[in-house]
């Protein structure tokens, strides 16, 4: 296919497909801009798809946007008499037209950081007024440019002009009606959110092509429930993905009706939600399949209820994780046994638990029981162990290497490494390749047995080029313990890994954020 495009003269199209691969690799995209005019023309739109989320801490794009305001807004802007010299006079592209992802709250945050970066000092009243003006002006700018938004995130907290913004959006239905496929809602429940609820309902109902929706916040599902049950909703034949994040299902009685009316729903993701027993009792009544793709829990529902859910949906489950901060060994064991019994297609397994008794053997049974062709992301966090549990960590490190599939996209280990068990693990996994390897060598209280794992990483990982990306947190510097030291901060070490074609990234950047990960894969 690629060769045919070259010979048919479609080189720009092929080149765009290649550059698009670097969509979130901002440094590479910036390098592409410098190659030639064609590369620049192809890379610039990708850089400006989601400028409010680029982690560069450079907020100068705000003043570039302000350059494009219409004359009326510029006249009003000049009344503040503080930014005339900051505005860019000439630009090569119509940058506002490229935006695809819009997070209303991040606009507000970016404006605030831009003001700080430029040392713009105003009294509190003027700051509030100025930020509100720019907030609303940018929304109007995007509407005037007839942008084709892909994703819209509505967060009502910390944004005092959300009412005005929602009103402007609704006054321009073409802004959202046919383009938005992904909608994220984070609406704080309160007695005065009736107007916001009404406007968000209108936004959902006016959308003709909504594919994915994410609900966030503990106590607002009653609000979200009414959105999905609305008779005017167009979601029934378009919505294929729902994400529930920190939702409390207590007192919600119409979940079965919601899911029965969604005709093309392909995946449901539940991330650290509460009152799962109530949720499960309604889901098992469904007459259609319930395609639960992700289940991350921080409280275990009744084992009987969970078993009914996994009997119905276990074959669909691809992403599972637990974050249990209490010492209920029996529940942990039963939970893992249910996953072993009913879930053979796990792609991502995230274990964060106290380990005692038979938990270790169950962990290995689960990994071995999963279809090795499916398992691609594995995270094991055993940092909260007690001293008498160290033998279990030792056992895990000694046996994990030969249990893993030959290739993993991502392996994360958060451990208190007291002895050279990391060397045993690395030796036993010499036939394995990890695209991304993340290690947190958790600090010991006594420091006595704390070791520097870098020599082992260099010997068994770096020299044999068994990873593409590496992140390590908490290591030794010249034999001295430095808590929270990131390998990325050790410039000489980073250069050495680079010579072996291994890219060192910060621990926070390479570690998977579950919610972001799930939102991107569907």
Protein backbone atom coordinates (compact mmCIF):
# COMPACT_ATOMS: atom_id res chain seq x y z
CA UNK A 1 0.00 0.00 0.00
CA UNK A 2 2.78 2.42 0.94
CA UNK A 3 4.77 1.61 -2.22
CA UNK A 4 1.74 2.17 -4.44
CA UNK A 5 1.25 5.62 -2.89
CA UNK A 6 4.87 6.54 -3.59
CA UNK A 7 4.72 5.47 -7.23
CA UNK A 8 1.33 7.14 -7.74
CA UNK A 9 2.72 10.45 -6.49
CA UNK A 10 0.89 10.49 -3.14
CA UNK A 11 4.03 11.23 -1.14
CA UNK A 12 2.47 14.03 0.99
CA UNK A 13 -0.35 11.70 2.06
CA UNK A 14 2.11 8.97 2.98
CA UNK A 15 4.35 11.45 4.78
CA UNK A 16 1.39 12.73 6.80
CA UNK A 17 0.58 9.17 7.90
CA UNK A 18 4.17 8.82 9.11
CA UNK A 19 4.25 12.16 10.94
CA UNK A 20 0.85 11.45 12.49
CA UNK A 21 2.50 8.53 14.27
CA UNK A 22 4.35 11.15 16.38
CA UNK A 23 1.11 12.84 17.41
CA UNK A 24 1.99 13.01 21.12
CA UNK A 25 5.76 13.18 20.70
CA UNK A 26 6.06 16.95 20.79
CA UNK A 27 9.84 17.18 20.58
CA UNK A 28 9.86 15.06 17.42
CA UNK A 29 7.07 17.14 15.90
CA UNK A 30 9.05 20.31 16.60
CA UNK A 31 12.01 18.74 14.81
CA UNK A 32 9.77 17.91 11.83
CA UNK A 33 8.90 21.60 11.49
CA UNK A 34 12.55 22.41 10.78
CA UNK A 35 13.00 19.91 7.91
CA UNK A 36 11.28 21.79 5.08
CA UNK A 37 8.02 23.55 4.18
CA UNK A 38 6.12 20.33 3.46
CA UNK A 39 7.09 18.73 6.76
CA UNK A 40 6.26 21.96 8.57
CA UNK A 41 2.82 22.15 6.93
CA UNK A 42 2.07 18.58 7.99
CA UNK A 43 3.42 18.81 11.56
CA UNK A 44 1.95 22.16 12.64
CA UNK A 45 -1.71 20.97 12.73
CA UNK A 46 -0.74 18.06 15.00
CA UNK A 47 1.07 20.39 17.40
CA UNK A 48 -1.98 22.64 17.61
CA UNK A 49 -4.66 19.95 18.01
CA UNK A 50 -4.53 20.11 21.79
CA UNK A 51 -2.25 22.97 22.91
CA UNK A 52 -3.89 23.32 26.33
CA UNK A 53 -2.63 19.85 27.32
CA UNK A 54 0.94 19.96 26.02
CA UNK A 55 3.20 19.47 29.09
CA UNK A 56 5.85 22.03 28.08
CA UNK A 57 4.84 24.77 30.55
CA UNK A 58 5.04 27.21 27.67
CA UNK A 59 1.80 29.16 27.47
CA UNK A 60 2.76 31.66 24.77
CA UNK A 61 0.20 30.07 22.47
CA UNK A 62 -2.38 32.16 24.35
CA UNK A 63 -1.05 35.41 22.87
CA UNK A 64 -0.89 33.78 19.43
CA UNK A 65 -4.58 32.96 19.76
CA UNK A 66 -5.32 36.53 20.87
CA UNK A 67 -3.81 37.80 17.63
CA UNK A 68 -6.76 36.23 15.79
CA UNK A 69 -9.53 37.91 17.78
CA UNK A 70 -11.95 40.00 15.76
CA UNK A 71 -11.69 43.79 15.88
CA UNK A 72 -14.41 44.23 18.50
CA UNK A 73 -12.73 41.82 20.89
CA UNK A 74 -9.30 43.34 20.24
CA UNK A 75 -10.69 46.79 21.04
CA UNK A 76 -11.98 45.51 24.35
CA UNK A 77 -8.70 43.70 24.95
CA UNK A 78 -6.79 46.95 24.53
CA UNK A 79 -8.79 48.47 27.37
CA UNK A 80 -6.70 46.43 29.81
CA UNK A 81 -3.52 48.17 28.53
CA UNK A 82 -1.25 45.34 29.55
CA UNK A 83 -0.66 43.03 26.64
CA UNK A 84 -0.34 45.13 23.48
CA UNK A 85 3.40 44.48 23.20
CA UNK A 86 2.93 40.76 23.76
CA UNK A 87 0.66 40.08 20.79
CA UNK A 88 2.25 38.40 17.80
CA UNK A 89 2.09 40.63 14.72
CA UNK A 90 2.45 38.02 11.97
CA UNK A 91 1.69 34.31 11.85
CA UNK A 92 2.18 31.71 9.13
CA UNK A 93 -0.87 29.53 9.84
CA UNK A 94 -4.43 29.92 11.04
CA UNK A 95 -3.59 28.19 14.31
CA UNK A 96 -7.06 28.36 15.94
CA UNK A 97 -8.53 26.26 13.12
CA UNK A 98 -6.40 23.24 14.07
CA UNK A 99 -7.82 22.56 17.53
CA UNK A 100 -9.45 19.15 17.98
CA UNK A 101 -9.45 18.66 21.77
CA UNK A 102 -10.94 21.23 24.10
CA UNK A 103 -10.89 21.05 27.89
CA UNK A 104 -12.79 24.06 29.24
CA UNK A 105 -11.03 23.97 32.60
CA UNK A 106 -7.56 23.76 31.05
CA UNK A 107 -8.27 26.95 29.12
CA UNK A 108 -8.76 28.75 32.41
CA UNK A 109 -5.61 27.19 33.90
CA UNK A 110 -3.51 28.04 30.83
CA UNK A 111 -4.62 31.68 30.95
CA UNK A 112 -3.65 31.90 34.61
CA UNK A 113 -0.21 30.38 33.97
CA UNK A 114 0.31 32.67 30.97
CA UNK A 115 -0.39 35.71 33.15
CA UNK A 116 2.15 34.52 35.71
CA UNK A 117 4.79 33.73 33.09
CA UNK A 118 4.54 37.27 31.70
CA UNK A 119 4.54 38.92 35.15
CA UNK A 120 1.22 40.57 34.47
CA UNK A 121 0.04 42.11 37.73
CA UNK A 122 -3.55 43.15 38.21
CA UNK A 123 -5.72 43.65 41.23
CA UNK A 124 -7.96 40.72 42.07
CA UNK A 125 -11.09 42.20 40.50
CA UNK A 126 -9.32 42.89 37.21
CA UNK A 127 -7.69 39.44 37.15
CA UNK A 128 -11.07 37.77 37.47
CA UNK A 129 -12.60 39.99 34.80
CA UNK A 130 -9.62 39.61 32.45
CA UNK A 131 -9.50 35.81 32.72
CA UNK A 132 -13.22 35.58 32.11
CA UNK A 133 -12.94 37.81 29.06
CA UNK A 134 -10.13 35.73 27.51
CA UNK A 135 -11.93 32.48 28.35
CA UNK A 136 -15.04 33.55 26.50
CA UNK A 137 -13.08 35.22 23.69
CA UNK A 138 -11.19 32.02 22.92
CA UNK A 139 -14.41 30.00 22.76
CA UNK A 140 -15.85 32.56 20.35
CA UNK A 141 -12.63 32.42 18.32
CA UNK A 142 -12.89 28.65 17.89
CA UNK A 143 -16.55 28.94 16.91
CA UNK A 144 -15.79 31.64 14.33
CA UNK A 145 -13.11 29.42 12.81
CA UNK A 146 -15.63 26.59 12.45
CA UNK A 147 -13.25 24.15 14.10
CA UNK A 148 -14.01 20.45 13.98
CA UNK A 149 -13.74 19.37 17.59
CA UNK A 150 -13.08 15.72 18.26
CA UNK A 151 -13.22 15.83 22.07
CA UNK A 152 -14.92 18.20 24.50
CA UNK A 153 -14.24 18.10 28.25
CA UNK A 154 -16.64 19.93 30.54
CA UNK A 155 -15.45 20.44 34.11
CA UNK A 156 -17.58 22.71 36.25
CA UNK A 157 -15.26 23.11 39.22
CA UNK A 158 -12.82 26.02 39.49
CA UNK A 159 -14.36 27.71 36.46
CA UNK A 160 -16.54 30.65 37.36
CA UNK A 161 -17.60 31.38 33.78
CA UNK A 162 -18.77 27.89 32.86
CA UNK A 163 -22.38 29.11 32.58
CA UNK A 164 -21.39 31.74 30.02
CA UNK A 165 -19.30 29.27 28.05
CA UNK A 166 -22.07 26.67 27.89
CA UNK A 167 -24.53 29.33 26.80
CA UNK A 168 -22.24 30.46 23.96
CA UNK A 169 -21.73 26.87 22.82
CA UNK A 170 -25.48 26.25 22.73
CA UNK A 171 -26.03 29.44 20.75
CA UNK A 172 -23.82 27.91 18.06
CA UNK A 173 -25.14 24.36 17.57
CA UNK A 174 -22.90 23.64 14.57
CA UNK A 175 -19.92 23.87 16.91
CA UNK A 176 -20.84 20.52 18.45
CA UNK A 177 -23.72 18.91 16.58
CA UNK A 178 -21.85 16.80 14.03
CA UNK A 179 -18.21 16.80 15.04
CA UNK A 180 -17.78 15.84 18.69
CA UNK A 181 -17.30 12.13 19.18
CA UNK A 182 -15.91 12.14 22.72
CA UNK A 183 -17.44 13.90 25.70
CA UNK A 184 -15.94 14.02 29.21
CA UNK A 185 -18.13 15.30 32.02
CA UNK A 186 -16.92 16.27 35.48
CA UNK A 187 -19.82 18.06 37.10
CA UNK A 188 -19.78 18.80 40.81
CA UNK A 189 -23.19 18.05 42.29
CA UNK A 190 -24.72 20.96 44.17
CA UNK A 191 -28.04 22.66 44.73
CA UNK A 192 -27.27 25.36 42.16
CA UNK A 193 -26.31 23.14 39.22
CA UNK A 194 -29.81 22.92 37.72
CA UNK A 195 -28.93 25.35 34.95
CA UNK A 196 -25.65 23.57 34.22
CA UNK A 197 -27.46 20.23 34.13
CA UNK A 198 -30.00 21.62 31.68
CA UNK A 199 -27.30 23.01 29.40
CA UNK A 200 -25.19 19.86 29.47
CA UNK A 201 -28.33 17.87 28.60
CA UNK A 202 -28.87 20.17 25.63
CA UNK A 203 -25.27 19.65 24.50
CA UNK A 204 -25.67 15.87 24.60
CA UNK A 205 -29.05 15.96 22.86
CA UNK A 206 -27.81 18.26 20.11
CA UNK A 207 -24.90 15.99 19.27
CA UNK A 208 -25.54 13.68 16.32
CA UNK A 209 -22.40 11.58 16.42
CA UNK A 210 -21.39 10.99 20.05
CA UNK A 211 -19.25 7.85 20.30
CA UNK A 212 -17.73 8.01 23.76
CA UNK A 213 -18.76 9.57 27.05
CA UNK A 214 -16.91 9.70 30.36
CA UNK A 215 -18.64 10.34 33.70
CA UNK A 216 -16.52 11.60 36.60
CA UNK A 217 -17.17 12.44 40.28
CA UNK A 218 -18.56 10.43 43.16
CA UNK A 219 -22.00 11.90 43.76
CA UNK A 220 -23.32 12.98 40.39
CA UNK A 221 -24.55 9.84 38.65
CA UNK A 222 -28.16 10.84 39.28
CA UNK A 223 -27.44 13.85 37.07
CA UNK A 224 -25.68 11.74 34.44
CA UNK A 225 -28.46 9.15 34.59
CA UNK A 226 -31.04 11.73 33.58
CA UNK A 227 -28.81 12.77 30.66
CA UNK A 228 -28.70 9.27 29.19
CA UNK A 229 -32.41 8.59 29.79
CA UNK A 230 -33.50 11.81 28.11
CA UNK A 231 -36.05 11.12 25.35
CA UNK A 232 -34.33 13.71 23.15
CA UNK A 233 -30.97 11.96 23.36
CA UNK A 234 -29.41 10.83 20.08
CA UNK A 235 -27.00 8.43 21.79
CA UNK A 236 -28.91 5.18 21.32
CA UNK A 237 -27.46 4.36 17.92
CA UNK A 238 -24.09 6.12 18.16
CA UNK A 239 -22.66 5.68 21.67
CA UNK A 240 -20.23 2.76 21.81
CA UNK A 241 -18.07 3.53 24.88
CA UNK A 242 -18.92 4.58 28.45
CA UNK A 243 -16.36 5.25 31.18
CA UNK A 244 -17.43 5.49 34.83
CA UNK A 245 -14.72 7.06 36.99
CA UNK A 246 -15.13 7.38 40.77
CA UNK A 247 -18.91 7.08 40.50
CA UNK A 248 -21.07 6.01 43.44
CA UNK A 249 -23.86 3.75 42.14
CA UNK A 250 -25.77 3.84 45.41
CA UNK A 251 -29.46 4.64 44.93
CA UNK A 252 -29.37 4.44 41.12
CA UNK A 253 -32.23 2.24 39.97
CA UNK A 254 -32.48 2.60 36.19
CA UNK A 255 -29.11 1.39 34.96
CA UNK A 256 -30.68 -1.58 33.19
CA UNK A 257 -32.95 0.79 31.23
CA UNK A 258 -29.98 2.90 30.21
CA UNK A 259 -27.98 -0.03 28.88
CA UNK A 260 -30.96 -1.70 27.19
CA UNK A 261 -31.53 1.37 25.02
CA UNK A 262 -27.89 1.70 23.90
CA UNK A 263 -27.91 -0.37 20.72
CA UNK A 264 -24.27 -0.15 19.62
CA UNK A 265 -22.47 -0.11 22.98
CA UNK A 266 -19.20 -2.00 22.62
CA UNK A 267 -17.28 -1.26 25.81
CA UNK A 268 -17.91 -0.22 29.41
CA UNK A 269 -15.08 0.79 31.74
CA UNK A 270 -15.49 0.95 35.53
CA UNK A 271 -12.65 2.71 37.33
CA UNK A 272 -12.57 2.81 41.14
CA UNK A 273 -16.33 3.15 41.55
CA UNK A 274 -18.40 2.59 44.69
CA UNK A 275 -21.52 0.58 45.64
CA UNK A 276 -20.78 -2.00 42.96
CA UNK A 277 -23.28 -4.45 44.46
CA UNK A 278 -26.10 -2.12 43.45
CA UNK A 279 -24.63 -1.80 39.96
CA UNK A 280 -24.16 -5.55 39.51
CA UNK A 281 -27.69 -6.50 40.60
CA UNK A 282 -29.09 -4.39 37.77
CA UNK A 283 -26.55 -5.40 35.14
CA UNK A 284 -27.16 -9.13 35.51
CA UNK A 285 -30.81 -8.52 34.54
CA UNK A 286 -29.85 -7.29 31.08
CA UNK A 287 -31.15 -9.36 28.19
CA UNK A 288 -28.25 -8.31 25.96
CA UNK A 289 -24.51 -8.88 26.44
CA UNK A 290 -22.76 -6.47 28.79
CA UNK A 291 -19.34 -5.78 27.32
CA UNK A 292 -17.35 -4.85 30.41
CA UNK A 293 -13.86 -4.14 29.09
CA UNK A 294 -12.27 -2.65 32.23
CA UNK A 295 -12.72 -3.20 35.95
CA UNK A 296 -10.52 -1.39 38.48
CA UNK A 297 -11.64 -1.64 42.08
CA UNK A 298 -10.67 -0.14 45.41
CA UNK A 299 -13.38 -1.97 47.31
CA UNK A 300 -14.49 -5.56 46.82
CA UNK A 301 -18.24 -6.11 46.40
CA UNK A 302 -19.86 -9.26 47.70
CA UNK A 303 -18.02 -12.16 46.12
CA UNK A 304 -21.32 -13.73 45.06
CA UNK A 305 -22.28 -10.56 43.17
CA UNK A 306 -18.87 -10.23 41.56
CA UNK A 307 -19.00 -13.82 40.38
CA UNK A 308 -22.36 -13.20 38.69
CA UNK A 309 -20.92 -10.16 36.92
CA UNK A 310 -17.84 -12.05 35.71
CA UNK A 311 -19.97 -14.99 34.59
CA UNK A 312 -21.85 -12.57 32.36
CA UNK A 313 -18.96 -10.35 31.23
CA UNK A 314 -15.67 -12.08 32.07
CA UNK A 315 -14.92 -13.02 28.46
CA UNK A 316 -15.05 -9.34 27.50
CA UNK A 317 -12.80 -8.12 30.32
CA UNK A 318 -9.44 -6.85 29.02
CA UNK A 319 -8.19 -4.52 31.76
CA UNK A 320 -8.26 -5.38 35.45
CA UNK A 321 -6.70 -3.86 38.53
CA UNK A 322 -7.16 -3.65 42.27
CA UNK A 323 -6.06 -1.03 44.75
CA UNK A 324 -6.85 -2.41 48.18
CA UNK A 325 -5.49 -0.64 51.23
CA UNK A 326 -6.97 -2.95 53.81
CA UNK A 327 -5.74 -6.33 54.94
CA UNK A 328 -8.55 -8.68 53.87
CA UNK A 329 -6.59 -11.69 52.69
CA UNK A 330 -9.64 -13.88 52.11
CA UNK A 331 -11.32 -11.35 49.82
CA UNK A 332 -8.10 -10.78 47.88
CA UNK A 333 -7.70 -14.49 47.30
CA UNK A 334 -11.30 -14.95 46.21
CA UNK A 335 -11.08 -11.96 43.90
CA UNK A 336 -7.98 -13.25 42.10
CA UNK A 337 -9.49 -16.73 41.87
CA UNK A 338 -12.58 -15.32 40.13
CA UNK A 339 -10.36 -13.53 37.61
CA UNK A 340 -8.52 -16.81 36.99
CA UNK A 341 -11.81 -18.69 36.53
CA UNK A 342 -13.67 -16.31 34.23
CA UNK A 343 -11.26 -13.86 32.56
CA UNK A 344 -8.93 -15.34 29.95
CA UNK A 345 -8.45 -12.27 27.77
CA UNK A 346 -6.75 -9.79 30.11
CA UNK A 347 -4.52 -7.30 28.27
CA UNK A 348 -3.68 -5.08 31.25
CA UNK A 349 -3.24 -6.41 34.78
CA UNK A 350 -2.57 -3.92 37.58
CA UNK A 351 -1.91 -5.45 41.01
CA UNK A 352 -1.63 -3.15 44.02
CA UNK A 353 -2.12 -5.11 47.20
CA UNK A 354 -0.70 -6.39 50.45
CA UNK A 355 0.71 -9.86 49.83
CA UNK A 356 0.31 -12.67 52.29
CA UNK A 357 -0.33 -16.37 52.26
CA UNK A 358 -1.36 -17.85 48.93
CA UNK A 359 -1.59 -14.50 47.15
CA UNK A 360 1.82 -15.05 45.54
CA UNK A 361 0.87 -18.37 43.98
CA UNK A 362 -2.44 -16.90 42.79
CA UNK A 363 -0.59 -14.05 41.06
CA UNK A 364 1.49 -16.52 39.08
CA UNK A 365 -1.55 -18.68 38.34
CA UNK A 366 -3.38 -15.64 37.00
CA UNK A 367 -0.50 -14.59 34.72
CA UNK A 368 -0.04 -18.15 33.46
CA UNK A 369 -3.79 -18.62 32.97
CA UNK A 370 -4.17 -15.50 30.83
CA UNK A 371 -3.75 -15.99 27.12
CA UNK A 372 -0.10 -15.00 26.72
CA UNK A 373 -0.86 -13.45 23.34
CA UNK A 374 -3.21 -10.99 25.04
CA UNK A 375 -1.29 -9.86 28.12
CA UNK A 376 0.55 -6.72 27.11
CA UNK A 377 0.61 -4.42 30.18
CA UNK A 378 1.61 -5.61 33.64
CA UNK A 379 1.97 -3.48 36.75
CA UNK A 380 2.89 -4.93 40.15
CA UNK A 381 2.97 -2.61 43.16
CA UNK A 382 4.04 -4.33 46.37
CA UNK A 383 5.37 -1.29 48.19
CA UNK A 384 3.00 -1.58 51.14
CA UNK A 385 4.34 -4.84 52.50
CA UNK A 386 5.21 -5.51 56.12
CA UNK A 387 8.62 -6.82 57.14
CA UNK A 388 7.39 -10.37 57.56
CA UNK A 389 6.09 -10.35 53.98
CA UNK A 390 9.46 -9.77 52.34
CA UNK A 391 9.86 -13.45 51.52
CA UNK A 392 6.84 -13.14 49.22
CA UNK A 393 8.44 -10.25 47.31
CA UNK A 394 11.61 -12.30 47.01
CA UNK A 395 9.60 -15.22 45.68
CA UNK A 396 7.84 -13.02 43.13
CA UNK A 397 11.10 -11.57 41.79
CA UNK A 398 12.69 -15.00 41.60
CA UNK A 399 9.81 -16.52 39.61
CA UNK A 400 8.34 -13.64 37.64
CA UNK A 401 10.88 -13.74 34.80
CA UNK A 402 10.01 -17.21 33.55
CA UNK A 403 6.27 -16.56 33.97
CA UNK A 404 6.01 -13.51 31.70
CA UNK A 405 5.17 -13.64 28.00
CA UNK A 406 8.14 -13.16 25.68
CA UNK A 407 7.06 -9.61 24.80
CA UNK A 408 5.36 -6.95 26.87
CA UNK A 409 4.46 -3.45 25.82
CA UNK A 410 4.70 -2.27 29.43
CA UNK A 411 6.09 -3.65 32.69
CA UNK A 412 5.98 -1.65 35.92
CA UNK A 413 7.49 -2.84 39.21
CA UNK A 414 7.07 -0.88 42.45
CA UNK A 415 9.05 -2.82 45.04
CA UNK A 416 11.25 -2.52 48.10
CA UNK A 417 14.32 -4.26 46.77
CA UNK A 418 16.42 -5.29 49.75
CA UNK A 419 18.80 -7.71 48.12
CA UNK A 420 20.01 -8.85 44.72
CA UNK A 421 16.71 -10.46 43.78
CA UNK A 422 16.41 -7.94 40.95
CA UNK A 423 19.43 -9.63 39.35
CA UNK A 424 17.70 -13.00 39.56
CA UNK A 425 14.60 -11.54 37.91
CA UNK A 426 16.63 -9.93 35.13
CA UNK A 427 18.57 -13.14 34.51
CA UNK A 428 15.41 -15.22 34.38
CA UNK A 429 13.77 -12.83 31.94
CA UNK A 430 16.66 -12.54 29.49
CA UNK A 431 14.46 -13.87 26.69
CA UNK A 432 11.84 -11.20 27.32
CA UNK A 433 11.52 -7.83 25.60
CA UNK A 434 9.78 -4.89 27.29
CA UNK A 435 8.99 -1.90 25.13
CA UNK A 436 8.54 0.21 28.28
CA UNK A 437 10.11 -0.73 31.61
CA UNK A 438 9.22 1.29 34.71
CA UNK A 439 10.76 0.62 38.14
CA UNK A 440 10.27 2.34 41.47
CA UNK A 441 12.95 1.11 43.87
CA UNK A 442 11.01 2.09 46.97
CA UNK A 443 13.09 3.58 49.77
CA UNK A 444 13.80 1.42 52.82
CA UNK A 445 13.26 2.78 56.29
CA UNK A 446 16.55 1.43 57.63
CA UNK A 447 18.58 1.91 54.38
CA UNK A 448 20.72 -1.07 55.43
CA UNK A 449 19.88 -3.38 52.53
CA UNK A 450 19.08 -0.70 49.98
CA UNK A 451 20.90 -1.37 46.73
CA UNK A 452 21.58 0.51 43.55
CA UNK A 453 19.81 -1.37 40.78
CA UNK A 454 21.44 0.58 37.93
CA UNK A 455 24.43 -1.79 37.49
CA UNK A 456 22.01 -4.70 37.03
CA UNK A 457 19.84 -2.71 34.64
CA UNK A 458 22.89 -1.84 32.55
CA UNK A 459 24.19 -5.40 32.49
CA UNK A 460 20.97 -7.25 31.69
CA UNK A 461 18.81 -4.59 30.02
CA UNK A 462 20.96 -1.88 28.46
CA UNK A 463 23.74 -4.02 26.98
CA UNK A 464 21.25 -6.48 25.53
CA UNK A 465 18.90 -3.75 24.31
CA UNK A 466 15.84 -5.36 25.86
CA UNK A 467 13.79 -2.16 26.17
CA UNK A 468 13.01 0.90 24.09
CA UNK A 469 11.92 3.18 26.94
CA UNK A 470 13.10 3.17 30.55
CA UNK A 471 12.15 5.01 33.74
CA UNK A 472 13.55 4.45 37.25
CA UNK A 473 12.64 6.33 40.41
CA UNK A 474 14.63 6.25 43.67
CA UNK A 475 18.21 5.26 43.01
CA UNK A 476 21.66 5.91 44.46
CA UNK A 477 23.97 8.78 43.55
CA UNK A 478 27.62 8.00 44.23
CA UNK A 479 26.55 5.49 46.85
CA UNK A 480 24.24 7.91 48.68
CA UNK A 481 20.52 7.37 48.89
CA UNK A 482 18.43 10.14 47.37
CA UNK A 483 14.72 9.66 47.72
CA UNK A 484 12.64 10.47 44.63
CA UNK A 485 15.68 10.79 42.37
CA UNK A 486 14.61 10.16 38.79
CA UNK A 487 17.00 8.45 36.39
CA UNK A 488 16.19 11.20 33.89
CA UNK A 489 17.95 13.68 36.21
CA UNK A 490 21.25 11.79 35.90
CA UNK A 491 22.46 13.27 32.61
CA UNK A 492 25.54 11.08 32.17
CA UNK A 493 23.48 7.94 32.72
CA UNK A 494 20.86 9.14 30.24
CA UNK A 495 23.56 9.66 27.60
CA UNK A 496 24.93 6.16 28.20
CA UNK A 497 21.52 4.58 27.69
CA UNK A 498 20.99 6.68 24.58
CA UNK A 499 24.14 5.17 23.05
CA UNK A 500 22.31 1.83 23.25
CA UNK A 501 19.16 3.27 21.63
CA UNK A 502 17.26 3.31 24.91
CA UNK A 503 15.29 6.45 25.66
CA UNK A 504 15.11 7.43 29.34
CA UNK A 505 11.91 9.21 30.33
CA UNK A 506 10.68 10.58 33.63
CA UNK A 507 8.94 8.11 35.92
CA UNK A 508 5.71 10.10 35.93
CA UNK A 509 5.64 10.40 32.14
CA UNK A 510 6.24 6.73 31.40
CA UNK A 511 3.96 5.38 34.14
CA UNK A 512 0.46 4.60 32.93
CA UNK A 513 -2.41 6.74 34.14
CA UNK A 514 -5.29 4.30 34.01
CA UNK A 515 -8.04 6.77 33.15
CA UNK A 516 -6.03 8.44 30.37
CA UNK A 517 -4.88 5.09 29.04
CA UNK A 518 -8.41 3.70 28.78
CA UNK A 519 -9.74 6.86 27.22
CA UNK A 520 -7.13 6.69 24.46
CA UNK A 521 -7.32 3.00 23.54
CA UNK A 522 -10.99 2.83 22.54
